């Protein structure tokens, strides 16, 4: 009987505490990238700082190869990159971050 109670408690913890995940929209990310990022980052390059591309190996070397890191960079900006947190919705920033990471992993 104790195992049934334990199972019931665990089941409720996992089912009712599960956080819904937002659907990633790579097509929307591509559109946002084209409209806001491609002037400096066309093809994963960097027109302002040529050594800071969006290529997979460079992102990894700079510890920028995660959704969290890219989202933070897009939202807050850094060095020559402006902050887009006031211009783009959080969902748009997440979509573009997923698009950039996906493209970097697949070789632009």
PDB file of N, CA and C in Angstrom:
ATOM      1  N   UNK A   1       0.821  -1.184   0.000  1.00  0.00           N
ATOM      2  CA  UNK A   1       0.000   0.000   0.000  1.00  0.00           C
ATOM      3  C   UNK A   1       0.872   1.259   0.000  1.00  0.00           C
ATOM      4  N   UNK A   2       1.993   1.191   0.682  1.00  0.00           N
ATOM      5  CA  UNK A   2       2.878   2.349   0.747  1.00  0.00           C
ATOM      6  C   UNK A   2       3.404   2.701  -0.639  1.00  0.00           C
ATOM      7  N   UNK A   3       3.755   1.699  -1.443  1.00  0.00           N
ATOM      8  CA  UNK A   3       4.280   1.976  -2.777  1.00  0.00           C
ATOM      9  C   UNK A   3       3.223   2.649  -3.644  1.00  0.00           C
ATOM     10  N   UNK A   4       1.937   2.295  -3.448  1.00  0.00           N
ATOM     11  CA  UNK A   4       0.860   2.930  -4.203  1.00  0.00           C
ATOM     12  C   UNK A   4       0.759   4.407  -3.833  1.00  0.00           C
ATOM     13  N   UNK A   5       0.854   4.707  -2.563  1.00  0.00           N
ATOM     14  CA  UNK A   5       0.829   6.090  -2.111  1.00  0.00           C
ATOM     15  C   UNK A   5       2.013   6.860  -2.682  1.00  0.00           C
ATOM     16  N   UNK A   6       3.197   6.257  -2.634  1.00  0.00           N
ATOM     17  CA  UNK A   6       4.403   6.887  -3.170  1.00  0.00           C
ATOM     18  C   UNK A   6       4.246   7.143  -4.663  1.00  0.00           C
ATOM     19  N   UNK A   7       3.734   6.149  -5.373  1.00  0.00           N
ATOM     20  CA  UNK A   7       3.501   6.304  -6.806  1.00  0.00           C
ATOM     21  C   UNK A   7       2.539   7.459  -7.064  1.00  0.00           C
ATOM     22  N   UNK A   8       1.462   7.525  -6.325  1.00  0.00           N
ATOM     23  CA  UNK A   8       0.471   8.585  -6.494  1.00  0.00           C
ATOM     24  C   UNK A   8       1.100   9.956  -6.265  1.00  0.00           C
ATOM     25  N   UNK A   9       1.879  10.101  -5.231  1.00  0.00           N
ATOM     26  CA  UNK A   9       2.532  11.377  -4.932  1.00  0.00           C
ATOM     27  C   UNK A   9       3.497  11.757  -6.051  1.00  0.00           C
ATOM     28  N   UNK A  10       4.330  10.812  -6.463  1.00  0.00           N
ATOM     29  CA  UNK A  10       5.307  11.087  -7.522  1.00  0.00           C
ATOM     30  C   UNK A  10       4.606  11.441  -8.834  1.00  0.00           C
ATOM     31  N   UNK A  11       3.561  10.724  -9.148  1.00  0.00           N
ATOM     32  CA  UNK A  11       2.803  10.988 -10.361  1.00  0.00           C
ATOM     33  C   UNK A  11       2.286  12.423 -10.356  1.00  0.00           C
ATOM     34  N   UNK A  12       1.702  12.841  -9.257  1.00  0.00           N
ATOM     35  CA  UNK A  12       1.168  14.201  -9.164  1.00  0.00           C
ATOM     36  C   UNK A  12       2.265  15.261  -9.237  1.00  0.00           C
ATOM     37  N   UNK A  13       3.393  14.984  -8.653  1.00  0.00           N
ATOM     38  CA  UNK A  13       4.504  15.941  -8.717  1.00  0.00           C
ATOM     39  C   UNK A  13       4.940  16.143 -10.162  1.00  0.00           C
ATOM     40  N   UNK A  14       5.118  15.045 -10.878  1.00  0.00           N
ATOM     41  CA  UNK A  14       5.593  15.152 -12.259  1.00  0.00           C
ATOM     42  C   UNK A  14       4.538  15.703 -13.207  1.00  0.00           C
ATOM     43  N   UNK A  15       3.309  15.312 -13.038  1.00  0.00           N
ATOM     44  CA  UNK A  15       2.254  15.743 -13.959  1.00  0.00           C
ATOM     45  C   UNK A  15       1.859  17.197 -13.717  1.00  0.00           C
ATOM     46  N   UNK A  16       1.647  17.571 -12.486  1.00  0.00           N
ATOM     47  CA  UNK A  16       1.121  18.899 -12.203  1.00  0.00           C
ATOM     48  C   UNK A  16       2.193  19.971 -12.073  1.00  0.00           C
ATOM     49  N   UNK A  17       3.445  19.591 -11.980  1.00  0.00           N
ATOM     50  CA  UNK A  17       4.518  20.577 -11.913  1.00  0.00           C
ATOM     51  C   UNK A  17       5.271  20.712 -13.227  1.00  0.00           C
ATOM     52  N   UNK A  18       4.855  19.989 -14.239  1.00  0.00           N
ATOM     53  CA  UNK A  18       5.516  20.078 -15.543  1.00  0.00           C
ATOM     54  C   UNK A  18       5.251  21.454 -16.137  1.00  0.00           C
ATOM     55  N   UNK A  19       6.302  22.090 -16.599  1.00  0.00           N
ATOM     56  CA  UNK A  19       6.182  23.402 -17.210  1.00  0.00           C
ATOM     57  C   UNK A  19       5.964  23.228 -18.707  1.00  0.00           C
ATOM     58  N   UNK A  20       5.000  23.956 -19.259  1.00  0.00           N
ATOM     59  CA  UNK A  20       4.812  23.850 -20.702  1.00  0.00           C
ATOM     60  C   UNK A  20       6.008  24.475 -21.420  1.00  0.00           C
ATOM     61  N   UNK A  21       6.405  23.875 -22.517  1.00  0.00           N
ATOM     62  CA  UNK A  21       7.516  24.422 -23.270  1.00  0.00           C
ATOM     63  C   UNK A  21       6.976  25.181 -24.471  1.00  0.00           C
ATOM     64  N   UNK A  22       7.629  26.271 -24.785  1.00  0.00           N
ATOM     65  CA  UNK A  22       7.219  27.067 -25.936  1.00  0.00           C
ATOM     66  C   UNK A  22       7.693  26.377 -27.205  1.00  0.00           C
ATOM     67  N   UNK A  23       6.860  26.415 -28.186  1.00  0.00           N
ATOM     68  CA  UNK A  23       7.231  25.817 -29.464  1.00  0.00           C
ATOM     69  C   UNK A  23       8.234  26.726 -30.155  1.00  0.00           C
ATOM     70  N   UNK A  24       9.273  26.130 -30.672  1.00  0.00           N
ATOM     71  CA  UNK A  24      10.294  26.875 -31.383  1.00  0.00           C
ATOM     72  C   UNK A  24       9.857  27.003 -32.834  1.00  0.00           C
ATOM     73  N   UNK A  25       9.943  28.202 -33.366  1.00  0.00           N
ATOM     74  CA  UNK A  25       9.542  28.465 -34.734  1.00  0.00           C
ATOM     75  C   UNK A  25      10.759  28.956 -35.512  1.00  0.00           C
ATOM     76  N   UNK A  26      11.443  28.021 -36.183  1.00  0.00           N
ATOM     77  CA  UNK A  26      12.652  28.379 -36.934  1.00  0.00           C
ATOM     78  C   UNK A  26      12.337  29.277 -38.122  1.00  0.00           C
ATOM     79  N   UNK A  27      11.155  29.130 -38.712  1.00  0.00           N
ATOM     80  CA  UNK A  27      10.780  30.008 -39.825  1.00  0.00           C
ATOM     81  C   UNK A  27      10.631  31.450 -39.350  1.00  0.00           C
ATOM     82  N   UNK A  28       9.992  31.613 -38.193  1.00  0.00           N
ATOM     83  CA  UNK A  28       9.875  32.961 -37.626  1.00  0.00           C
ATOM     84  C   UNK A  28      11.258  33.488 -37.262  1.00  0.00           C
ATOM     85  N   UNK A  29      12.108  32.619 -36.719  1.00  0.00           N
ATOM     86  CA  UNK A  29      13.471  33.019 -36.386  1.00  0.00           C
ATOM     87  C   UNK A  29      14.231  33.490 -37.613  1.00  0.00           C
ATOM     88  N   UNK A  30      14.046  32.803 -38.730  1.00  0.00           N
ATOM     89  CA  UNK A  30      14.705  33.209 -39.977  1.00  0.00           C
ATOM     90  C   UNK A  30      14.213  34.578 -40.437  1.00  0.00           C
ATOM     91  N   UNK A  31      12.917  34.822 -40.330  1.00  0.00           N
ATOM     92  CA  UNK A  31      12.356  36.110 -40.736  1.00  0.00           C
ATOM     93  C   UNK A  31      12.885  37.235 -39.844  1.00  0.00           C
ATOM     94  N   UNK A  32      12.940  36.981 -38.547  1.00  0.00           N
ATOM     95  CA  UNK A  32      13.450  37.988 -37.604  1.00  0.00           C
ATOM     96  C   UNK A  32      14.920  38.246 -37.877  1.00  0.00           C
ATOM     97  N   UNK A  33      15.689  37.180 -38.126  1.00  0.00           N
ATOM     98  CA  UNK A  33      17.106  37.319 -38.439  1.00  0.00           C
ATOM     99  C   UNK A  33      17.287  38.147 -39.698  1.00  0.00           C
ATOM    100  N   UNK A  34      16.526  37.846 -40.739  1.00  0.00           N
ATOM    101  CA  UNK A  34      16.631  38.576 -42.002  1.00  0.00           C
ATOM    102  C   UNK A  34      16.313  40.055 -41.823  1.00  0.00           C
ATOM    103  N   UNK A  35      15.327  40.358 -41.010  1.00  0.00           N
ATOM    104  CA  UNK A  35      14.900  41.740 -40.825  1.00  0.00           C
ATOM    105  C   UNK A  35      15.791  42.534 -39.871  1.00  0.00           C
ATOM    106  N   UNK A  36      16.437  41.873 -38.916  1.00  0.00           N
ATOM    107  CA  UNK A  36      17.142  42.595 -37.863  1.00  0.00           C
ATOM    108  C   UNK A  36      18.635  42.317 -37.762  1.00  0.00           C
ATOM    109  N   UNK A  37      19.079  41.173 -38.258  1.00  0.00           N
ATOM    110  CA  UNK A  37      20.454  40.733 -37.992  1.00  0.00           C
ATOM    111  C   UNK A  37      21.317  40.597 -39.235  1.00  0.00           C
ATOM    112  N   UNK A  38      20.677  40.344 -40.372  1.00  0.00           N
ATOM    113  CA  UNK A  38      21.439  39.989 -41.566  1.00  0.00           C
ATOM    114  C   UNK A  38      22.304  41.116 -42.103  1.00  0.00           C
ATOM    115  N   UNK A  39      22.030  42.352 -41.767  1.00  0.00           N
ATOM    116  CA  UNK A  39      22.877  43.454 -42.235  1.00  0.00           C
ATOM    117  C   UNK A  39      24.310  43.273 -41.735  1.00  0.00           C
ATOM    118  N   UNK A  40      24.472  42.771 -40.533  1.00  0.00           N
ATOM    119  CA  UNK A  40      25.811  42.537 -39.964  1.00  0.00           C
ATOM    120  C   UNK A  40      26.208  41.071 -40.001  1.00  0.00           C
ATOM    121  N   UNK A  41      25.222  40.165 -40.012  1.00  0.00           N
ATOM    122  CA  UNK A  41      25.520  38.740 -39.849  1.00  0.00           C
ATOM    123  C   UNK A  41      25.062  37.882 -41.022  1.00  0.00           C
ATOM    124  N   UNK A  42      25.054  38.411 -42.222  1.00  0.00           N
ATOM    125  CA  UNK A  42      24.631  37.628 -43.393  1.00  0.00           C
ATOM    126  C   UNK A  42      25.503  36.377 -43.525  1.00  0.00           C
ATOM    127  N   UNK A  43      24.855  35.257 -43.719  1.00  0.00           N
ATOM    128  CA  UNK A  43      25.568  34.001 -43.888  1.00  0.00           C
ATOM    129  C   UNK A  43      26.348  33.552 -42.676  1.00  0.00           C
ATOM    130  N   UNK A  44      25.998  34.089 -41.510  1.00  0.00           N
ATOM    131  CA  UNK A  44      26.698  33.709 -40.283  1.00  0.00           C
ATOM    132  C   UNK A  44      27.995  34.466 -40.069  1.00  0.00           C
ATOM    133  N   UNK A  45      28.272  35.426 -40.929  1.00  0.00           N
ATOM    134  CA  UNK A  45      29.494  36.227 -40.794  1.00  0.00           C
ATOM    135  C   UNK A  45      29.266  37.393 -39.847  1.00  0.00           C
ATOM    136  N   UNK A  46      30.258  38.237 -39.700  1.00  0.00           N
ATOM    137  CA  UNK A  46      30.155  39.424 -38.863  1.00  0.00           C
ATOM    138  C   UNK A  46      30.864  40.559 -39.585  1.00  0.00           C
ATOM    139  N   UNK A  47      30.093  41.510 -40.098  1.00  0.00           N
ATOM    140  CA  UNK A  47      30.643  42.611 -40.879  1.00  0.00           C
ATOM    141  C   UNK A  47      31.399  43.617 -40.011  1.00  0.00           C
ATOM    142  N   UNK A  48      31.097  43.701 -38.726  1.00  0.00           N
ATOM    143  CA  UNK A  48      31.717  44.678 -37.828  1.00  0.00           C
ATOM    144  C   UNK A  48      32.978  44.110 -37.186  1.00  0.00           C
ATOM    145  N   UNK A  49      32.883  42.908 -36.648  1.00  0.00           N
ATOM    146  CA  UNK A  49      34.005  42.233 -36.000  1.00  0.00           C
ATOM    147  C   UNK A  49      34.192  40.879 -36.675  1.00  0.00           C
ATOM    148  N   UNK A  50      34.960  40.826 -37.768  1.00  0.00           N
ATOM    149  CA  UNK A  50      35.052  39.620 -38.593  1.00  0.00           C
ATOM    150  C   UNK A  50      35.443  38.334 -37.861  1.00  0.00           C
ATOM    151  N   UNK A  51      36.123  38.436 -36.747  1.00  0.00           N
ATOM    152  CA  UNK A  51      36.509  37.219 -36.023  1.00  0.00           C
ATOM    153  C   UNK A  51      35.400  36.702 -35.108  1.00  0.00           C
ATOM    154  N   UNK A  52      34.321  37.432 -34.939  1.00  0.00           N
ATOM    155  CA  UNK A  52      33.201  37.037 -34.068  1.00  0.00           C
ATOM    156  C   UNK A  52      32.006  36.621 -34.925  1.00  0.00           C
ATOM    157  N   UNK A  53      32.179  35.566 -35.708  1.00  0.00           N
ATOM    158  CA  UNK A  53      31.104  35.095 -36.573  1.00  0.00           C
ATOM    159  C   UNK A  53      30.099  34.263 -35.782  1.00  0.00           C
ATOM    160  N   UNK A  54      29.089  33.829 -36.488  1.00  0.00           N
ATOM    161  CA  UNK A  54      28.076  32.948 -35.905  1.00  0.00           C
ATOM    162  C   UNK A  54      28.299  31.502 -36.318  1.00  0.00           C
ATOM    163  N   UNK A  55      29.489  31.180 -36.736  1.00  0.00           N
ATOM    164  CA  UNK A  55      29.848  29.816 -37.126  1.00  0.00           C
ATOM    165  C   UNK A  55      29.974  28.965 -35.853  1.00  0.00           C
ATOM    166  N   UNK A  56      29.692  27.693 -35.973  1.00  0.00           N
ATOM    167  CA  UNK A  56      29.652  26.790 -34.824  1.00  0.00           C
ATOM    168  C   UNK A  56      30.911  26.778 -33.993  1.00  0.00           C
ATOM    169  N   UNK A  57      32.072  26.697 -34.644  1.00  0.00           N
ATOM    170  CA  UNK A  57      33.320  26.630 -33.893  1.00  0.00           C
ATOM    171  C   UNK A  57      33.620  27.931 -33.159  1.00  0.00           C
ATOM    172  N   UNK A  58      33.293  29.054 -33.772  1.00  0.00           N
ATOM    173  CA  UNK A  58      33.535  30.352 -33.128  1.00  0.00           C
ATOM    174  C   UNK A  58      32.589  30.547 -31.951  1.00  0.00           C
ATOM    175  N   UNK A  59      31.319  30.174 -32.131  1.00  0.00           N
ATOM    176  CA  UNK A  59      30.374  30.267 -31.016  1.00  0.00           C
ATOM    177  C   UNK A  59      30.836  29.394 -29.850  1.00  0.00           C
ATOM    178  N   UNK A  60      31.315  28.202 -30.155  1.00  0.00           N
ATOM    179  CA  UNK A  60      31.803  27.303 -29.100  1.00  0.00           C
ATOM    180  C   UNK A  60      33.021  27.902 -28.399  1.00  0.00           C
ATOM    181  N   UNK A  61      33.962  28.440 -29.168  1.00  0.00           N
ATOM    182  CA  UNK A  61      35.162  29.046 -28.577  1.00  0.00           C
ATOM    183  C   UNK A  61      34.826  30.204 -27.649  1.00  0.00           C
ATOM    184  N   UNK A  62      33.756  30.935 -27.977  1.00  0.00           N
ATOM    185  CA  UNK A  62      33.349  32.094 -27.184  1.00  0.00           C
ATOM    186  C   UNK A  62      32.244  31.774 -26.177  1.00  0.00           C
ATOM    187  N   UNK A  63      31.983  30.480 -26.002  1.00  0.00           N
ATOM    188  CA  UNK A  63      30.938  30.019 -25.071  1.00  0.00           C
ATOM    189  C   UNK A  63      29.580  30.659 -25.377  1.00  0.00           C
ATOM    190  N   UNK A  64      29.306  30.761 -26.656  1.00  0.00           N
ATOM    191  CA  UNK A  64      28.046  31.334 -27.120  1.00  0.00           C
ATOM    192  C   UNK A  64      27.207  30.292 -27.863  1.00  0.00           C
ATOM    193  N   UNK A  65      27.487  29.029 -27.639  1.00  0.00           N
ATOM    194  CA  UNK A  65      26.814  27.962 -28.375  1.00  0.00           C
ATOM    195  C   UNK A  65      25.658  27.344 -27.589  1.00  0.00           C
ATOM    196  N   UNK A  66      24.845  28.194 -26.985  1.00  0.00           N
ATOM    197  CA  UNK A  66      23.635  27.728 -26.303  1.00  0.00           C
ATOM    198  C   UNK A  66      22.529  28.752 -26.526  1.00  0.00           C
ATOM    199  N   UNK A  67      21.308  28.300 -26.415  1.00  0.00           N
ATOM    200  CA  UNK A  67      20.159  29.192 -26.578  1.00  0.00           C
ATOM    201  C   UNK A  67      20.219  30.304 -25.539  1.00  0.00           C
ATOM    202  N   UNK A  68      20.585  29.952 -24.312  1.00  0.00           N
ATOM    203  CA  UNK A  68      20.645  30.945 -23.240  1.00  0.00           C
ATOM    204  C   UNK A  68      21.666  32.033 -23.547  1.00  0.00           C
ATOM    205  N   UNK A  69      22.850  31.642 -23.995  1.00  0.00           N
ATOM    206  CA  UNK A  69      23.905  32.621 -24.283  1.00  0.00           C
ATOM    207  C   UNK A  69      23.515  33.527 -25.450  1.00  0.00           C
ATOM    208  N   UNK A  70      22.970  32.940 -26.505  1.00  0.00           N
ATOM    209  CA  UNK A  70      22.577  33.738 -27.670  1.00  0.00           C
ATOM    210  C   UNK A  70      21.421  34.661 -27.310  1.00  0.00           C
ATOM    211  N   UNK A  71      20.443  34.138 -26.577  1.00  0.00           N
ATOM    212  CA  UNK A  71      19.309  34.959 -26.141  1.00  0.00           C
ATOM    213  C   UNK A  71      19.789  36.151 -25.322  1.00  0.00           C
ATOM    214  N   UNK A  72      20.702  35.909 -24.402  1.00  0.00           N
ATOM    215  CA  UNK A  72      21.242  36.978 -23.576  1.00  0.00           C
ATOM    216  C   UNK A  72      21.947  38.029 -24.432  1.00  0.00           C
ATOM    217  N   UNK A  73      22.735  37.588 -25.399  1.00  0.00           N
ATOM    218  CA  UNK A  73      23.459  38.507 -26.282  1.00  0.00           C
ATOM    219  C   UNK A  73      22.490  39.356 -27.105  1.00  0.00           C
ATOM    220  N   UNK A  74      21.481  38.717 -27.667  1.00  0.00           N
ATOM    221  CA  UNK A  74      20.514  39.444 -28.488  1.00  0.00           C
ATOM    222  C   UNK A  74      19.724  40.422 -27.627  1.00  0.00           C
ATOM    223  N   UNK A  75      19.296  39.971 -26.477  1.00  0.00           N
ATOM    224  CA  UNK A  75      18.473  40.804 -25.603  1.00  0.00           C
ATOM    225  C   UNK A  75      19.246  42.003 -25.052  1.00  0.00           C
ATOM    226  N   UNK A  76      20.477  41.775 -24.597  1.00  0.00           N
ATOM    227  CA  UNK A  76      21.225  42.811 -23.891  1.00  0.00           C
ATOM    228  C   UNK A  76      22.324  43.489 -24.709  1.00  0.00           C
ATOM    229  N   UNK A  77      22.687  42.896 -25.844  1.00  0.00           N
ATOM    230  CA  UNK A  77      23.766  43.443 -26.642  1.00  0.00           C
ATOM    231  C   UNK A  77      25.104  43.277 -25.944  1.00  0.00           C
ATOM    232  N   UNK A  78      26.187  43.610 -26.661  1.00  0.00           N
ATOM    233  CA  UNK A  78      27.521  43.543 -26.088  1.00  0.00           C
ATOM    234  C   UNK A  78      28.488  44.122 -27.099  1.00  0.00           C
ATOM    235  N   UNK A  79      29.414  44.926 -26.636  1.00  0.00           N
ATOM    236  CA  UNK A  79      30.396  45.572 -27.505  1.00  0.00           C
ATOM    237  C   UNK A  79      29.674  46.320 -28.631  1.00  0.00           C
ATOM    238  N   UNK A  80      29.956  45.990 -29.874  1.00  0.00           N
ATOM    239  CA  UNK A  80      29.354  46.698 -31.002  1.00  0.00           C
ATOM    240  C   UNK A  80      27.918  46.268 -31.294  1.00  0.00           C
ATOM    241  N   UNK A  81      27.484  45.167 -30.704  1.00  0.00           N
ATOM    242  CA  UNK A  81      26.129  44.687 -30.971  1.00  0.00           C
ATOM    243  C   UNK A  81      25.115  45.406 -30.089  1.00  0.00           C
ATOM    244  N   UNK A  82      24.092  45.998 -30.712  1.00  0.00           N
ATOM    245  CA  UNK A  82      23.065  46.682 -29.919  1.00  0.00           C
ATOM    246  C   UNK A  82      22.143  45.690 -29.221  1.00  0.00           C
ATOM    247  N   UNK A  83      21.475  46.160 -28.192  1.00  0.00           N
ATOM    248  CA  UNK A  83      20.489  45.349 -27.468  1.00  0.00           C
ATOM    249  C   UNK A  83      19.165  45.374 -28.237  1.00  0.00           C
ATOM    250  N   UNK A  84      18.571  44.218 -28.382  1.00  0.00           N
ATOM    251  CA  UNK A  84      17.283  44.118 -29.055  1.00  0.00           C
ATOM    252  C   UNK A  84      16.154  43.828 -28.071  1.00  0.00           C
ATOM    253  N   UNK A  85      16.461  43.811 -26.782  1.00  0.00           N
ATOM    254  CA  UNK A  85      15.447  43.516 -25.768  1.00  0.00           C
ATOM    255  C   UNK A  85      14.287  44.479 -25.773  1.00  0.00           C
ATOM    256  N   UNK A  86      14.521  45.718 -26.101  1.00  0.00           N
ATOM    257  CA  UNK A  86      13.446  46.702 -26.155  1.00  0.00           C
ATOM    258  C   UNK A  86      12.729  46.737 -27.487  1.00  0.00           C
ATOM    259  N   UNK A  87      13.303  46.091 -28.487  1.00  0.00           N
ATOM    260  CA  UNK A  87      12.733  46.128 -29.838  1.00  0.00           C
ATOM    261  C   UNK A  87      11.975  44.865 -30.209  1.00  0.00           C
ATOM    262  N   UNK A  88      12.432  43.729 -29.687  1.00  0.00           N
ATOM    263  CA  UNK A  88      11.835  42.446 -30.036  1.00  0.00           C
ATOM    264  C   UNK A  88      11.202  41.797 -28.813  1.00  0.00           C
ATOM    265  N   UNK A  89      10.132  41.081 -29.034  1.00  0.00           N
ATOM    266  CA  UNK A  89       9.474  40.332 -27.960  1.00  0.00           C
ATOM    267  C   UNK A  89      10.363  39.165 -27.546  1.00  0.00           C
ATOM    268  N   UNK A  90      10.205  38.705 -26.322  1.00  0.00           N
ATOM    269  CA  UNK A  90      10.997  37.572 -25.827  1.00  0.00           C
ATOM    270  C   UNK A  90      10.859  36.348 -26.730  1.00  0.00           C
ATOM    271  N   UNK A  91       9.656  36.092 -27.217  1.00  0.00           N
ATOM    272  CA  UNK A  91       9.431  34.946 -28.101  1.00  0.00           C
ATOM    273  C   UNK A  91      10.216  35.110 -29.410  1.00  0.00           C
ATOM    274  N   UNK A  92      10.259  36.328 -29.934  1.00  0.00           N
ATOM    275  CA  UNK A  92      11.022  36.582 -31.157  1.00  0.00           C
ATOM    276  C   UNK A  92      12.512  36.363 -30.925  1.00  0.00           C
ATOM    277  N   UNK A  93      13.000  36.816 -29.782  1.00  0.00           N
ATOM    278  CA  UNK A  93      14.416  36.637 -29.446  1.00  0.00           C
ATOM    279  C   UNK A  93      14.734  35.157 -29.303  1.00  0.00           C
ATOM    280  N   UNK A  94      13.861  34.416 -28.679  1.00  0.00           N
ATOM    281  CA  UNK A  94      14.094  32.975 -28.536  1.00  0.00           C
ATOM    282  C   UNK A  94      14.065  32.277 -29.893  1.00  0.00           C
ATOM    283  N   UNK A  95      13.151  32.679 -30.759  1.00  0.00           N
ATOM    284  CA  UNK A  95      13.095  32.087 -32.097  1.00  0.00           C
ATOM    285  C   UNK A  95      14.358  32.383 -32.892  1.00  0.00           C
ATOM    286  N   UNK A  96      14.844  33.618 -32.820  1.00  0.00           N
ATOM    287  CA  UNK A  96      16.055  33.947 -33.575  1.00  0.00           C
ATOM    288  C   UNK A  96      17.272  33.242 -32.969  1.00  0.00           C
ATOM    289  N   UNK A  97      17.311  33.086 -31.663  1.00  0.00           N
ATOM    290  CA  UNK A  97      18.413  32.365 -31.023  1.00  0.00           C
ATOM    291  C   UNK A  97      18.420  30.902 -31.470  1.00  0.00           C
ATOM    292  N   UNK A  98      17.260  30.287 -31.530  1.00  0.00           N
ATOM    293  CA  UNK A  98      17.162  28.906 -32.004  1.00  0.00           C
ATOM    294  C   UNK A  98      17.552  28.806 -33.472  1.00  0.00           C
ATOM    295  N   UNK A  99      17.161  29.778 -34.262  1.00  0.00           N
ATOM    296  CA  UNK A  99      17.531  29.788 -35.678  1.00  0.00           C
ATOM    297  C   UNK A  99      19.048  29.891 -35.835  1.00  0.00           C
ATOM    298  N   UNK A 100      19.671  30.822 -35.111  1.00  0.00           N
ATOM    299  CA  UNK A 100      21.121  31.014 -35.197  1.00  0.00           C
ATOM    300  C   UNK A 100      21.853  29.742 -34.770  1.00  0.00           C
ATOM    301  N   UNK A 101      21.457  29.157 -33.658  1.00  0.00           N
ATOM    302  CA  UNK A 101      22.126  27.943 -33.189  1.00  0.00           C
ATOM    303  C   UNK A 101      21.937  26.796 -34.179  1.00  0.00           C
ATOM    304  N   UNK A 102      20.735  26.663 -34.701  1.00  0.00           N
ATOM    305  CA  UNK A 102      20.460  25.619 -35.693  1.00  0.00           C
ATOM    306  C   UNK A 102      21.333  25.811 -36.931  1.00  0.00           C
ATOM    307  N   UNK A 103      21.405  27.028 -37.431  1.00  0.00           N
ATOM    308  CA  UNK A 103      22.228  27.305 -38.620  1.00  0.00           C
ATOM    309  C   UNK A 103      23.708  27.074 -38.329  1.00  0.00           C
ATOM    310  N   UNK A 104      24.165  27.474 -37.150  1.00  0.00           N
ATOM    311  CA  UNK A 104      25.592  27.292 -36.825  1.00  0.00           C
ATOM    312  C   UNK A 104      25.938  25.823 -36.738  1.00  0.00           C
ATOM    313  N   UNK A 105      25.033  25.007 -36.248  1.00  0.00           N
ATOM    314  CA  UNK A 105      25.278  23.575 -36.127  1.00  0.00           C
ATOM    315  C   UNK A 105      25.217  22.876 -37.493  1.00  0.00           C
ATOM    316  N   UNK A 106      24.565  23.506 -38.443  1.00  0.00           N
ATOM    317  CA  UNK A 106      24.419  22.903 -39.776  1.00  0.00           C
ATOM    318  C   UNK A 106      25.259  23.604 -40.836  1.00  0.00           C
ATOM    319  N   UNK A 107      26.183  24.457 -40.420  1.00  0.00           N
ATOM    320  CA  UNK A 107      27.154  25.044 -41.335  1.00  0.00           C
ATOM    321  C   UNK A 107      26.697  26.234 -42.153  1.00  0.00           C
ATOM    322  N   UNK A 108      25.663  26.921 -41.719  1.00  0.00           N
ATOM    323  CA  UNK A 108      25.167  28.078 -42.450  1.00  0.00           C
ATOM    324  C   UNK A 108      25.028  27.729 -43.907  1.00  0.00           C
TER     325      UNK A 108
END
